[in-house]
Amino acid sequence: MVNWSVRYGVSLRKRFEAVTKDKKTLYKCEVCGKDTVKRISTGIWKCKHCGATFAGGAYNLRTEAGKSAERLLSQTKKESA
């Protein structure tokens, strides 16, 4: 899918296509486990099946910083237990 508003460079068009693909993808819900989480607006994601609402990244449900924070929390929980 090509959006003609993105001009002047293949790399810009490829980046725009990747962001659009991430934005439109349905993600897995953490509550019900179904692939029905959809982006409502910037950083707000909602499951169409169970109605759960999540805060996440602008174009992805999970950002790299969020993933690393989850790993750090899980490591500290393992160490304290």
PDB file of N, CA and C in Angstrom:
ATOM      1  N   MET A   1       0.852  -1.174   0.000  1.00  0.00           N
ATOM      2  CA  MET A   1       0.000   0.000   0.000  1.00  0.00           C
ATOM      3  C   MET A   1       0.896   1.234   0.000  1.00  0.00           C
ATOM      4  N   VAL A   2       0.670   2.102  -0.925  1.00  0.00           N
ATOM      5  CA  VAL A   2       1.485   3.310  -1.045  1.00  0.00           C
ATOM      6  C   VAL A   2       0.605   4.517  -0.782  1.00  0.00           C
ATOM      7  N   ASN A   3       1.055   5.357   0.133  1.00  0.00           N
ATOM      8  CA  ASN A   3       0.371   6.617   0.377  1.00  0.00           C
ATOM      9  C   ASN A   3       1.139   7.686  -0.390  1.00  0.00           C
ATOM     10  N   TRP A   4       0.482   8.351  -1.280  1.00  0.00           N
ATOM     11  CA  TRP A   4       1.167   9.295  -2.152  1.00  0.00           C
ATOM     12  C   TRP A   4       1.513  10.602  -1.457  1.00  0.00           C
ATOM     13  N   SER A   5       1.103  10.788  -0.198  1.00  0.00           N
ATOM     14  CA  SER A   5       1.484  12.010   0.504  1.00  0.00           C
ATOM     15  C   SER A   5       2.927  11.937   1.010  1.00  0.00           C
ATOM     16  N   VAL A   6       3.505  10.733   1.081  1.00  0.00           N
ATOM     17  CA  VAL A   6       4.896  10.582   1.480  1.00  0.00           C
ATOM     18  C   VAL A   6       5.739  10.618   0.217  1.00  0.00           C
ATOM     19  N   ARG A   7       6.596  11.612   0.124  1.00  0.00           N
ATOM     20  CA  ARG A   7       7.369  11.806  -1.098  1.00  0.00           C
ATOM     21  C   ARG A   7       8.856  11.839  -0.809  1.00  0.00           C
ATOM     22  N   TYR A   8       9.606  11.862  -1.885  1.00  0.00           N
ATOM     23  CA  TYR A   8      11.031  12.168  -1.872  1.00  0.00           C
ATOM     24  C   TYR A   8      11.856  11.166  -1.072  1.00  0.00           C
ATOM     25  N   GLY A   9      11.780   9.927  -1.454  1.00  0.00           N
ATOM     26  CA  GLY A   9      12.711   8.965  -0.885  1.00  0.00           C
ATOM     27  C   GLY A   9      12.088   7.615  -0.610  1.00  0.00           C
ATOM     28  N   VAL A  10      12.805   6.599  -1.023  1.00  0.00           N
ATOM     29  CA  VAL A  10      12.337   5.236  -0.805  1.00  0.00           C
ATOM     30  C   VAL A  10      12.350   4.905   0.678  1.00  0.00           C
ATOM     31  N   SER A  11      13.382   5.344   1.390  1.00  0.00           N
ATOM     32  CA  SER A  11      13.478   5.010   2.807  1.00  0.00           C
ATOM     33  C   SER A  11      12.329   5.617   3.602  1.00  0.00           C
ATOM     34  N   LEU A  12      11.902   6.819   3.259  1.00  0.00           N
ATOM     35  CA  LEU A  12      10.767   7.429   3.949  1.00  0.00           C
ATOM     36  C   LEU A  12       9.478   6.672   3.675  1.00  0.00           C
ATOM     37  N   ARG A  13       9.289   6.246   2.433  1.00  0.00           N
ATOM     38  CA  ARG A  13       8.085   5.483   2.102  1.00  0.00           C
ATOM     39  C   ARG A  13       8.077   4.128   2.798  1.00  0.00           C
ATOM     40  N   LYS A  14       9.238   3.484   2.880  1.00  0.00           N
ATOM     41  CA  LYS A  14       9.324   2.195   3.570  1.00  0.00           C
ATOM     42  C   LYS A  14       9.052   2.354   5.059  1.00  0.00           C
ATOM     43  N   ARG A  15       9.592   3.409   5.659  1.00  0.00           N
ATOM     44  CA  ARG A  15       9.357   3.655   7.079  1.00  0.00           C
ATOM     45  C   ARG A  15       7.884   3.940   7.342  1.00  0.00           C
ATOM     46  N   PHE A  16       7.266   4.737   6.470  1.00  0.00           N
ATOM     47  CA  PHE A  16       5.846   5.043   6.607  1.00  0.00           C
ATOM     48  C   PHE A  16       5.005   3.774   6.485  1.00  0.00           C
ATOM     49  N   GLU A  17       5.369   2.909   5.551  1.00  0.00           N
ATOM     50  CA  GLU A  17       4.636   1.657   5.366  1.00  0.00           C
ATOM     51  C   GLU A  17       4.766   0.757   6.594  1.00  0.00           C
ATOM     52  N   ALA A  18       5.961   0.695   7.195  1.00  0.00           N
ATOM     53  CA  ALA A  18       6.177  -0.126   8.383  1.00  0.00           C
ATOM     54  C   ALA A  18       5.373   0.398   9.567  1.00  0.00           C
ATOM     55  N   VAL A  19       5.358   1.709   9.747  1.00  0.00           N
ATOM     56  CA  VAL A  19       4.602   2.304  10.848  1.00  0.00           C
ATOM     57  C   VAL A  19       3.110   2.078  10.653  1.00  0.00           C
ATOM     58  N   THR A  20       2.632   2.237   9.435  1.00  0.00           N
ATOM     59  CA  THR A  20       1.218   2.030   9.147  1.00  0.00           C
ATOM     60  C   THR A  20       0.831   0.578   9.385  1.00  0.00           C
ATOM     61  N   LYS A  21       1.705  -0.346   9.009  1.00  0.00           N
ATOM     62  CA  LYS A  21       1.426  -1.768   9.230  1.00  0.00           C
ATOM     63  C   LYS A  21       1.335  -2.066  10.727  1.00  0.00           C
ATOM     64  N   ASP A  22       2.277  -1.537  11.527  1.00  0.00           N
ATOM     65  CA  ASP A  22       2.243  -1.747  12.973  1.00  0.00           C
ATOM     66  C   ASP A  22       0.991  -1.141  13.588  1.00  0.00           C
ATOM     67  N   LYS A  23       0.588  -0.008  13.075  1.00  0.00           N
ATOM     68  CA  LYS A  23      -0.570   0.694  13.617  1.00  0.00           C
ATOM     69  C   LYS A  23      -1.867  -0.066  13.347  1.00  0.00           C
ATOM     70  N   LYS A  24      -1.968  -0.699  12.187  1.00  0.00           N
ATOM     71  CA  LYS A  24      -3.201  -1.377  11.786  1.00  0.00           C
ATOM     72  C   LYS A  24      -3.284  -2.827  12.262  1.00  0.00           C
ATOM     73  N   THR A  25      -2.182  -3.393  12.770  1.00  0.00           N
ATOM     74  CA  THR A  25      -2.154  -4.791  13.186  1.00  0.00           C
ATOM     75  C   THR A  25      -3.005  -4.998  14.429  1.00  0.00           C
ATOM     76  N   LEU A  26      -3.671  -6.150  14.508  1.00  0.00           N
ATOM     77  CA  LEU A  26      -4.395  -6.529  15.713  1.00  0.00           C
ATOM     78  C   LEU A  26      -3.426  -7.253  16.643  1.00  0.00           C
ATOM     79  N   TYR A  27      -3.381  -6.837  17.908  1.00  0.00           N
ATOM     80  CA  TYR A  27      -2.466  -7.405  18.880  1.00  0.00           C
ATOM     81  C   TYR A  27      -3.214  -8.308  19.848  1.00  0.00           C
ATOM     82  N   LYS A  28      -2.464  -9.130  20.583  1.00  0.00           N
ATOM     83  CA  LYS A  28      -3.053 -10.081  21.522  1.00  0.00           C
ATOM     84  C   LYS A  28      -3.414  -9.380  22.826  1.00  0.00           C
ATOM     85  N   CYS A  29      -4.628  -9.640  23.300  1.00  0.00           N
ATOM     86  CA  CYS A  29      -5.116  -9.046  24.550  1.00  0.00           C
ATOM     87  C   CYS A  29      -4.492  -9.768  25.738  1.00  0.00           C
ATOM     88  N   GLU A  30      -4.054  -9.014  26.745  1.00  0.00           N
ATOM     89  CA  GLU A  30      -3.470  -9.604  27.942  1.00  0.00           C
ATOM     90  C   GLU A  30      -4.536 -10.173  28.866  1.00  0.00           C
ATOM     91  N   VAL A  31      -5.776  -9.720  28.730  1.00  0.00           N
ATOM     92  CA  VAL A  31      -6.851 -10.159  29.615  1.00  0.00           C
ATOM     93  C   VAL A  31      -7.512 -11.430  29.086  1.00  0.00           C
ATOM     94  N   CYS A  32      -8.010 -11.389  27.848  1.00  0.00           N
ATOM     95  CA  CYS A  32      -8.756 -12.527  27.302  1.00  0.00           C
ATOM     96  C   CYS A  32      -7.915 -13.421  26.401  1.00  0.00           C
ATOM     97  N   GLY A  33      -6.764 -12.956  25.931  1.00  0.00           N
ATOM     98  CA  GLY A  33      -5.873 -13.777  25.128  1.00  0.00           C
ATOM     99  C   GLY A  33      -6.191 -13.834  23.646  1.00  0.00           C
ATOM    100  N   LYS A  34      -7.149 -13.069  23.175  1.00  0.00           N
ATOM    101  CA  LYS A  34      -7.508 -13.089  21.755  1.00  0.00           C
ATOM    102  C   LYS A  34      -6.772 -11.981  21.005  1.00  0.00           C
ATOM    103  N   ASP A  35      -6.623 -12.165  19.702  1.00  0.00           N
ATOM    104  CA  ASP A  35      -5.952 -11.172  18.856  1.00  0.00           C
ATOM    105  C   ASP A  35      -6.953 -10.120  18.399  1.00  0.00           C
ATOM    106  N   THR A  36      -7.424  -9.297  19.345  1.00  0.00           N
ATOM    107  CA  THR A  36      -8.463  -8.321  19.026  1.00  0.00           C
ATOM    108  C   THR A  36      -8.159  -6.926  19.544  1.00  0.00           C
ATOM    109  N   VAL A  37      -6.930  -6.657  19.966  1.00  0.00           N
ATOM    110  CA  VAL A  37      -6.584  -5.328  20.477  1.00  0.00           C
ATOM    111  C   VAL A  37      -6.284  -4.419  19.296  1.00  0.00           C
ATOM    112  N   LYS A  38      -6.988  -3.299  19.246  1.00  0.00           N
ATOM    113  CA  LYS A  38      -6.873  -2.364  18.138  1.00  0.00           C
ATOM    114  C   LYS A  38      -6.561  -0.969  18.680  1.00  0.00           C
ATOM    115  N   ARG A  39      -5.857  -0.188  17.891  1.00  0.00           N
ATOM    116  CA  ARG A  39      -5.496   1.175  18.277  1.00  0.00           C
ATOM    117  C   ARG A  39      -6.704   2.085  18.143  1.00  0.00           C
ATOM    118  N   ILE A  40      -7.017   2.824  19.214  1.00  0.00           N
ATOM    119  CA  ILE A  40      -8.114   3.790  19.192  1.00  0.00           C
ATOM    120  C   ILE A  40      -7.577   5.164  18.829  1.00  0.00           C
ATOM    121  N   SER A  41      -6.560   5.598  19.548  1.00  0.00           N
ATOM    122  CA  SER A  41      -5.896   6.864  19.247  1.00  0.00           C
ATOM    123  C   SER A  41      -4.446   6.733  19.691  1.00  0.00           C
ATOM    124  N   THR A  42      -3.711   7.815  19.697  1.00  0.00           N
ATOM    125  CA  THR A  42      -2.287   7.766  20.009  1.00  0.00           C
ATOM    126  C   THR A  42      -2.064   7.234  21.419  1.00  0.00           C
ATOM    127  N   GLY A  43      -1.481   6.041  21.517  1.00  0.00           N
ATOM    128  CA  GLY A  43      -1.144   5.455  22.804  1.00  0.00           C
ATOM    129  C   GLY A  43      -2.288   4.771  23.514  1.00  0.00           C
ATOM    130  N   ILE A  44      -3.476   4.715  22.946  1.00  0.00           N
ATOM    131  CA  ILE A  44      -4.628   4.075  23.580  1.00  0.00           C
ATOM    132  C   ILE A  44      -5.061   2.897  22.721  1.00  0.00           C
ATOM    133  N   TRP A  45      -5.125   1.724  23.345  1.00  0.00           N
ATOM    134  CA  TRP A  45      -5.457   0.485  22.661  1.00  0.00           C
ATOM    135  C   TRP A  45      -6.631  -0.165  23.380  1.00  0.00           C
ATOM    136  N   LYS A  46      -7.547  -0.779  22.635  1.00  0.00           N
ATOM    137  CA  LYS A  46      -8.733  -1.383  23.236  1.00  0.00           C
ATOM    138  C   LYS A  46      -9.012  -2.738  22.612  1.00  0.00           C
ATOM    139  N   CYS A  47      -9.386  -3.691  23.459  1.00  0.00           N
ATOM    140  CA  CYS A  47      -9.746  -5.028  23.000  1.00  0.00           C
ATOM    141  C   CYS A  47     -11.200  -5.006  22.547  1.00  0.00           C
ATOM    142  N   LYS A  48     -11.439  -5.498  21.334  1.00  0.00           N
ATOM    143  CA  LYS A  48     -12.800  -5.522  20.805  1.00  0.00           C
ATOM    144  C   LYS A  48     -13.625  -6.634  21.441  1.00  0.00           C
ATOM    145  N   HIS A  49     -12.963  -7.652  22.002  1.00  0.00           N
ATOM    146  CA  HIS A  49     -13.693  -8.790  22.555  1.00  0.00           C
ATOM    147  C   HIS A  49     -14.149  -8.539  23.992  1.00  0.00           C
ATOM    148  N   CYS A  50     -13.204  -8.191  24.878  1.00  0.00           N
ATOM    149  CA  CYS A  50     -13.549  -8.039  26.296  1.00  0.00           C
ATOM    150  C   CYS A  50     -13.694  -6.585  26.729  1.00  0.00           C
ATOM    151  N   GLY A  51     -13.282  -5.639  25.904  1.00  0.00           N
ATOM    152  CA  GLY A  51     -13.441  -4.227  26.230  1.00  0.00           C
ATOM    153  C   GLY A  51     -12.334  -3.641  27.087  1.00  0.00           C
ATOM    154  N   ALA A  52     -11.276  -4.407  27.359  1.00  0.00           N
ATOM    155  CA  ALA A  52     -10.168  -3.904  28.169  1.00  0.00           C
ATOM    156  C   ALA A  52      -9.421  -2.816  27.405  1.00  0.00           C
ATOM    157  N   THR A  53      -9.001  -1.781  28.131  1.00  0.00           N
ATOM    158  CA  THR A  53      -8.281  -0.666  27.531  1.00  0.00           C
ATOM    159  C   THR A  53      -6.854  -0.653  28.066  1.00  0.00           C
ATOM    160  N   PHE A  54      -5.884  -0.425  27.183  1.00  0.00           N
ATOM    161  CA  PHE A  54      -4.475  -0.425  27.542  1.00  0.00           C
ATOM    162  C   PHE A  54      -3.836   0.884  27.116  1.00  0.00           C
ATOM    163  N   ALA A  55      -2.800   1.276  27.859  1.00  0.00           N
ATOM    164  CA  ALA A  55      -1.944   2.383  27.435  1.00  0.00           C
ATOM    165  C   ALA A  55      -0.676   1.764  26.883  1.00  0.00           C
ATOM    166  N   GLY A  56      -0.256   2.210  25.722  1.00  0.00           N
ATOM    167  CA  GLY A  56       0.928   1.633  25.094  1.00  0.00           C
ATOM    168  C   GLY A  56       1.653   2.673  24.274  1.00  0.00           C
ATOM    169  N   GLY A  57       2.346   2.202  23.276  1.00  0.00           N
ATOM    170  CA  GLY A  57       3.080   3.090  22.396  1.00  0.00           C
ATOM    171  C   GLY A  57       2.165   3.753  21.387  1.00  0.00           C
ATOM    172  N   ALA A  58       2.708   4.689  20.656  1.00  0.00           N
ATOM    173  CA  ALA A  58       1.915   5.411  19.670  1.00  0.00           C
ATOM    174  C   ALA A  58       1.526   4.521  18.500  1.00  0.00           C
ATOM    175  N   TYR A  59       2.440   3.659  18.051  1.00  0.00           N
ATOM    176  CA  TYR A  59       2.171   2.825  16.886  1.00  0.00           C
ATOM    177  C   TYR A  59       2.213   1.341  17.201  1.00  0.00           C
ATOM    178  N   ASN A  60       2.801   0.926  18.319  1.00  0.00           N
ATOM    179  CA  ASN A  60       2.850  -0.463  18.772  1.00  0.00           C
ATOM    180  C   ASN A  60       2.206  -0.554  20.138  1.00  0.00           C
ATOM    181  N   LEU A  61       1.668  -1.727  20.448  1.00  0.00           N
ATOM    182  CA  LEU A  61       1.087  -1.911  21.779  1.00  0.00           C
ATOM    183  C   LEU A  61       2.169  -1.871  22.850  1.00  0.00           C
ATOM    184  N   ARG A  62       3.323  -2.439  22.565  1.00  0.00           N
ATOM    185  CA  ARG A  62       4.441  -2.442  23.504  1.00  0.00           C
ATOM    186  C   ARG A  62       5.640  -1.751  22.872  1.00  0.00           C
ATOM    187  N   THR A  63       6.233  -0.826  23.603  1.00  0.00           N
ATOM    188  CA  THR A  63       7.433  -0.147  23.125  1.00  0.00           C
ATOM    189  C   THR A  63       8.669  -0.895  23.626  1.00  0.00           C
ATOM    190  N   GLU A  64       9.811  -0.580  23.067  1.00  0.00           N
ATOM    191  CA  GLU A  64      11.061  -1.212  23.503  1.00  0.00           C
ATOM    192  C   GLU A  64      11.367  -0.852  24.956  1.00  0.00           C
ATOM    193  N   ALA A  65      11.096   0.377  25.348  1.00  0.00           N
ATOM    194  CA  ALA A  65      11.336   0.789  26.734  1.00  0.00           C
ATOM    195  C   ALA A  65      10.407   0.038  27.686  1.00  0.00           C
ATOM    196  N   GLY A  66       9.176  -0.172  27.273  1.00  0.00           N
ATOM    197  CA  GLY A  66       8.233  -0.920  28.098  1.00  0.00           C
ATOM    198  C   GLY A  66       8.632  -2.376  28.250  1.00  0.00           C
ATOM    199  N   LYS A  67       9.133  -2.968  27.169  1.00  0.00           N
ATOM    200  CA  LYS A  67       9.580  -4.362  27.227  1.00  0.00           C
ATOM    201  C   LYS A  67      10.763  -4.517  28.169  1.00  0.00           C
ATOM    202  N   SER A  68      11.711  -3.583  28.110  1.00  0.00           N
ATOM    203  CA  SER A  68      12.876  -3.674  28.992  1.00  0.00           C
ATOM    204  C   SER A  68      12.472  -3.432  30.447  1.00  0.00           C
ATOM    205  N   ALA A  69      11.505  -2.571  30.690  1.00  0.00           N
ATOM    206  CA  ALA A  69      11.024  -2.346  32.052  1.00  0.00           C
ATOM    207  C   ALA A  69      10.332  -3.594  32.597  1.00  0.00           C
ATOM    208  N   GLU A  70       9.562  -4.286  31.760  1.00  0.00           N
ATOM    209  CA  GLU A  70       8.919  -5.529  32.189  1.00  0.00           C
ATOM    210  C   GLU A  70       9.956  -6.592  32.535  1.00  0.00           C
ATOM    211  N   ARG A  71      11.023  -6.690  31.721  1.00  0.00           N
ATOM    212  CA  ARG A  71      12.091  -7.648  32.008  1.00  0.00           C
ATOM    213  C   ARG A  71      12.773  -7.325  33.332  1.00  0.00           C
ATOM    214  N   LEU A  72      13.026  -6.045  33.575  1.00  0.00           N
ATOM    215  CA  LEU A  72      13.677  -5.628  34.810  1.00  0.00           C
ATOM    216  C   LEU A  72      12.805  -5.953  36.018  1.00  0.00           C
ATOM    217  N   LEU A  73      11.505  -5.699  35.911  1.00  0.00           N
ATOM    218  CA  LEU A  73      10.596  -6.015  37.011  1.00  0.00           C
ATOM    219  C   LEU A  73      10.517  -7.513  37.268  1.00  0.00           C
ATOM    220  N   SER A  74      10.478  -8.309  36.209  1.00  0.00           N
ATOM    221  CA  SER A  74      10.408  -9.759  36.401  1.00  0.00           C
ATOM    222  C   SER A  74      11.695 -10.287  37.036  1.00  0.00           C
ATOM    223  N   GLN A  75      12.845  -9.709  36.684  1.00  0.00           N
ATOM    224  CA  GLN A  75      14.107 -10.132  37.290  1.00  0.00           C
ATOM    225  C   GLN A  75      14.147  -9.777  38.769  1.00  0.00           C
ATOM    226  N   THR A  76      13.670  -8.594  39.137  1.00  0.00           N
ATOM    227  CA  THR A  76      13.683  -8.205  40.545  1.00  0.00           C
ATOM    228  C   THR A  76      12.701  -9.040  41.354  1.00  0.00           C
ATOM    229  N   LYS A  77      11.584  -9.437  40.756  1.00  0.00           N
ATOM    230  CA  LYS A  77      10.635 -10.311  41.456  1.00  0.00           C
ATOM    231  C   LYS A  77      11.244 -11.684  41.699  1.00  0.00           C
ATOM    232  N   LYS A  78      11.998 -12.205  40.709  1.00  0.00           N
ATOM    233  CA  LYS A  78      12.641 -13.508  40.868  1.00  0.00           C
ATOM    234  C   LYS A  78      13.711 -13.458  41.951  1.00  0.00           C
ATOM    235  N   GLU A  79      14.456 -12.363  42.008  1.00  0.00           N
ATOM    236  CA  GLU A  79      15.522 -12.230  43.000  1.00  0.00           C
ATOM    237  C   GLU A  79      14.962 -12.084  44.404  1.00  0.00           C
ATOM    238  N   SER A  80      13.847 -11.399  44.559  1.00  0.00           N
ATOM    239  CA  SER A  80      13.285 -11.179  45.891  1.00  0.00           C
ATOM    240  C   SER A  80      12.525 -12.401  46.394  1.00  0.00           C
ATOM    241  N   ALA A  81      12.101 -13.281  45.503  1.00  0.00           N
ATOM    242  CA  ALA A  81      11.339 -14.464  45.928  1.00  0.00           C
ATOM    243  C   ALA A  81      12.228 -15.601  46.335  1.00  0.00           C
TER     244      ALA A  81
END
